[in-house]
Amino acid sequence: MLVAILMYFILGIPLWRICQRTATSPAVLLLLLFPVVGFGLILAIIAFRQWPANPETGGLR
């Protein structure tokens, strides 16, 4: 139980920042409650989502 909570924070904080940058709802991180499947789904969502472009530089942030 303690290991699961520790892993949630170790993976959750960086993924939270990535979700903010990709304009994805941070509620997606609740999928981490299902260890293997949830992490895979989150990575798939982030990988195949259209990332917002930075209008100032014409590229990604």
Protein backbone atom coordinates (compact mmCIF):
# COMPACT_ATOMS: atom_id res chain seq x y z
CA MET A 1 0.00 0.00 0.00
CA LEU A 2 2.77 2.42 0.94
CA VAL A 3 4.68 1.54 -2.23
CA ALA A 4 1.59 2.29 -4.34
CA ILE A 5 1.15 5.70 -2.74
CA LEU A 6 4.85 6.48 -3.18
CA MET A 7 4.76 5.47 -6.85
CA TYR A 8 1.62 7.57 -7.38
CA PHE A 9 3.50 10.67 -6.22
CA ILE A 10 6.70 9.79 -8.09
CA LEU A 11 4.80 9.36 -11.36
CA GLY A 12 1.95 11.75 -10.63
CA ILE A 13 3.85 15.00 -10.21
CA PRO A 14 5.74 14.87 -13.55
CA LEU A 15 2.64 13.62 -15.36
CA TRP A 16 0.62 16.46 -13.81
CA ARG A 17 3.04 18.97 -15.35
CA ILE A 18 2.85 17.24 -18.73
CA CYS A 19 -0.96 17.29 -18.60
CA GLN A 20 -0.88 21.03 -17.93
CA ARG A 21 1.37 21.62 -20.95
CA THR A 22 -0.77 19.49 -23.27
CA ALA A 23 -4.05 21.07 -22.08
CA THR A 24 -5.24 17.66 -20.86
CA SER A 25 -7.42 17.44 -17.78
CA PRO A 26 -5.33 16.41 -14.77
CA ALA A 27 -8.22 14.12 -13.80
CA VAL A 28 -6.65 11.66 -16.26
CA LEU A 29 -4.10 10.95 -13.53
CA LEU A 30 -6.77 9.01 -11.66
CA LEU A 31 -5.98 6.24 -14.14
CA LEU A 32 -2.76 5.71 -12.16
CA LEU A 33 -4.91 3.94 -9.58
CA PHE A 34 -4.77 1.00 -12.02
CA PRO A 35 -1.00 0.54 -12.08
CA VAL A 36 -0.01 -1.02 -15.40
CA VAL A 37 -3.07 -0.37 -17.55
CA GLY A 38 -3.57 3.17 -16.27
CA PHE A 39 0.01 4.23 -16.90
CA GLY A 40 -0.16 2.82 -20.42
CA LEU A 41 -3.42 4.66 -21.11
CA ILE A 42 -2.00 7.95 -19.84
CA LEU A 43 1.08 7.55 -22.05
CA ALA A 44 -1.15 6.77 -25.04
CA ILE A 45 -3.31 9.84 -24.39
CA ILE A 46 -0.26 12.08 -24.13
CA ALA A 47 1.48 10.51 -27.14
CA PHE A 48 -1.42 10.74 -29.57
CA ARG A 49 -2.91 14.05 -28.42
CA GLN A 50 -2.42 17.19 -30.50
CA TRP A 51 -0.02 19.33 -28.50
CA PRO A 52 -0.71 23.07 -28.53
CA ALA A 53 1.66 25.17 -30.61
CA ASN A 54 3.42 28.24 -29.29
CA PRO A 55 2.19 31.13 -31.49
CA GLU A 56 5.28 33.26 -30.74
CA THR A 57 7.83 30.82 -32.11
CA GLY A 58 5.60 28.82 -34.44
CA GLY A 59 6.63 25.57 -32.77
CA LEU A 60 5.84 23.55 -29.74
CA ARG A 61 6.41 24.93 -26.28
